[in-house]
Amino acid sequence: MADARIKKGSFDDRLGADFLERVPQQPGVYEWIDADGATVYVGKAKDLRTRLGQYRTATRCKVTRKRWEIVRASTSVRFRTCDTELEALIVENELIQQLRPPLNVSGAFEFLYPCIGLRRGAPDLDLVCTTTPEAFTGFTFTGAFRSPATTRAAFASLVELLTHLGHREPSRRVKDLPKIPFSRIVRFRRLAAMWDVVLLRFLRGEGRGALRPLLVALLERPTARRHADQTQEHLSLLQRFSEEECEPLRAVLVSTGRPDTFLPQRDRDRAFLVARAGSIASPPDVGSPAHRARHSL
């Protein structure tokens, strides 16, 4: 990996007036390094010379302020070339996960990707939405999903809909499961075991049709019919969750030979990148789960 020391002064003063001429016009990954030798930012580029050249003109204005701050925080920059842009994406992801640069956000916090799990303890059904699946033994987990906001909202909607079908235990009475930050645990009593299969099919990305039994059951519940607008809103949110999170994840799992399995948080981004690389030769139809998988990172 090439390394260029930054001196005090302007971009040219720091890196040298001919620095960009020595940067190849190839795909690659670059690191900005601080005075202690720690990586503060990792990026990828289709063309390293063009991308690093953008730091030369960065100012405090809103559009370029992030690049300006990266340069200010650094004392050196190094880069490596890659054969393709997709290879650069994969290397970038691995470096971000390994080094956790403070100025990177996307990909640096894969441990915050939420997962949804369920556990049948007859006659109860426990549901959990958590970023710490390893803390909950005996649960069957789905995910990991990328968007905390969408996933948590979908989990809340699912809980509200299931409340029409079973008895939701007050959270203060659920004492046999750990209290973990960024986790929500819900226990249902008198909820038939058939719902375990229905929920897993939906969460594993078999489409909104997997929730058809839930829709039919809700139509038979007076409370759901009395709150038809709220019920429809919850169903619409679950449809969005299915399209944006569950179905693309299933497409990636199938393409990598792991259907109906849990994809750990740390492996998620790399799996999506590998699936994207494998789909270049024969692009899927726009709107298909495989297409959404390619564009969900």
Foldseek 3Di string as FASTA:
>chain_A
DDKAFADPDAPCNTRNPCNLVPAFQAWWKKFFAAPVRATQDIDTDRGVSVVVVLLRPADCDPVRNLSVVSVVRGGMMDMDHDHGNLVRVLVRLVCLCVRVRNSDDPNNPLLQQWKWWWACDVPKIKIKIASCVVQDPRIAIADSWDDLVLVVLLVVLVVVLCVLVFPKDPPVPPDPGDDDPRMDMIMTGPHDPVVVVLVLCQQQQVALVSCVVSVVVLVVGPVCVVVVVSNVVSSVSSRVCSQQTNLLQQLLCVQVVHHSHHDRSSRPVSSLSVLLVVCPVPPDDPSHSPNSSVVND
